[in-house]
Amino acid sequence: MVSNEDDWKILQIAYTGRVKMPLAKGYSQKSISKNISKLKEEGYDAKGGKQSVAIALQTACKSCKKAGKGKCEMCQKKG
């Protein structure tokens, strides 16, 4: 069993060849753009899809709801 964060990083490198970094929390345009760039570097858009954008927007929406703002575009469209 993996006991600490360093062991997880070693397993990620062995499995994917790179370490995945955590996404920035927040719902500002800057946070979303930073997360999209980070996800593209990690290869989420390798097949030409829009997966990195979807993940970044989902992360922003979670942050927005957690802050109790409900002001992000995704939150307004859902409810």
Protein backbone atom coordinates (compact mmCIF):
# COMPACT_ATOMS: atom_id res chain seq x y z
CA MET A 1 0.00 0.00 0.00
CA VAL A 2 1.19 3.52 -0.79
CA SER A 3 1.83 5.44 2.40
CA ASN A 4 2.76 8.99 1.44
CA GLU A 5 2.61 11.58 -1.30
CA ASP A 6 6.12 10.84 -2.59
CA ASP A 7 5.16 7.23 -3.21
CA TRP A 8 2.12 8.40 -5.21
CA LYS A 9 4.34 10.61 -7.35
CA ILE A 10 6.67 7.70 -8.06
CA LEU A 11 3.70 5.54 -9.09
CA GLN A 12 2.35 8.31 -11.36
CA ILE A 13 5.71 8.69 -13.07
CA ALA A 14 5.98 4.94 -13.55
CA TYR A 15 2.44 4.70 -14.94
CA THR A 16 2.12 7.87 -17.04
CA GLY A 17 5.67 9.12 -17.41
CA ARG A 18 4.85 12.41 -15.68
CA VAL A 19 3.53 13.81 -12.41
CA LYS A 20 0.06 15.35 -12.45
CA MET A 21 -0.13 18.60 -10.55
CA PRO A 22 -3.23 19.69 -8.62
CA LEU A 23 -5.52 22.23 -10.24
CA ALA A 24 -5.85 25.80 -9.00
CA LYS A 25 -8.90 26.47 -6.88
CA GLY A 26 -11.07 29.42 -7.80
CA TYR A 27 -13.59 30.54 -10.38
CA SER A 28 -11.88 33.56 -11.90
CA GLN A 29 -10.94 33.66 -15.57
CA LYS A 30 -7.27 33.52 -14.54
CA SER A 31 -7.78 30.29 -12.54
CA ILE A 32 -9.74 28.67 -15.35
CA SER A 33 -7.10 29.58 -17.96
CA LYS A 34 -4.30 28.32 -15.74
CA ASN A 35 -6.10 25.01 -15.21
CA ILE A 36 -6.79 24.57 -18.94
CA SER A 37 -3.10 25.12 -19.71
CA LYS A 38 -2.05 22.70 -16.99
CA LEU A 39 -4.45 20.01 -18.20
CA LYS A 40 -3.32 20.39 -21.82
CA GLU A 41 0.31 19.97 -20.69
CA GLU A 42 -0.73 16.76 -18.96
CA GLY A 43 -2.18 15.45 -22.22
CA TYR A 44 -5.93 15.65 -21.64
CA ASP A 45 -6.53 17.02 -25.14
CA ALA A 46 -4.31 14.51 -26.90
CA LYS A 47 -7.11 13.31 -29.19
CA GLY A 48 -8.32 16.80 -30.13
CA GLY A 49 -11.17 16.85 -27.62
CA LYS A 50 -12.27 19.56 -25.22
CA GLN A 51 -11.72 17.54 -22.07
CA SER A 52 -9.35 20.05 -20.45
CA VAL A 53 -11.90 22.86 -20.81
CA ALA A 54 -14.67 20.72 -19.31
CA ILE A 55 -12.53 19.70 -16.33
CA ALA A 56 -11.38 23.28 -15.69
CA LEU A 57 -14.96 24.61 -15.82
CA GLN A 58 -16.18 21.85 -13.53
CA THR A 59 -13.44 22.71 -11.02
CA ALA A 60 -14.38 26.40 -11.20
CA CYS A 61 -18.06 25.61 -10.66
CA LYS A 62 -17.25 23.53 -7.57
CA SER A 63 -15.20 26.41 -6.17
CA CYS A 64 -17.99 28.88 -6.92
CA LYS A 65 -20.61 26.76 -5.19
CA LYS A 66 -18.32 26.15 -2.22
CA ALA A 67 -17.86 29.92 -1.83
CA GLY A 68 -21.63 30.34 -1.96
CA LYS A 69 -21.43 32.82 -4.82
CA GLY A 70 -23.29 31.08 -7.64
CA LYS A 71 -21.95 33.70 -10.05
CA CYS A 72 -19.98 31.60 -12.51
CA GLU A 73 -21.50 30.87 -15.92
CA MET A 74 -21.76 27.16 -15.27
CA CYS A 75 -23.70 27.66 -12.03
CA GLN A 76 -26.11 30.09 -13.69
CA LYS A 77 -26.83 27.71 -16.58
CA LYS A 78 -27.52 24.74 -14.29
CA GLY A 79 -29.92 26.40 -11.97
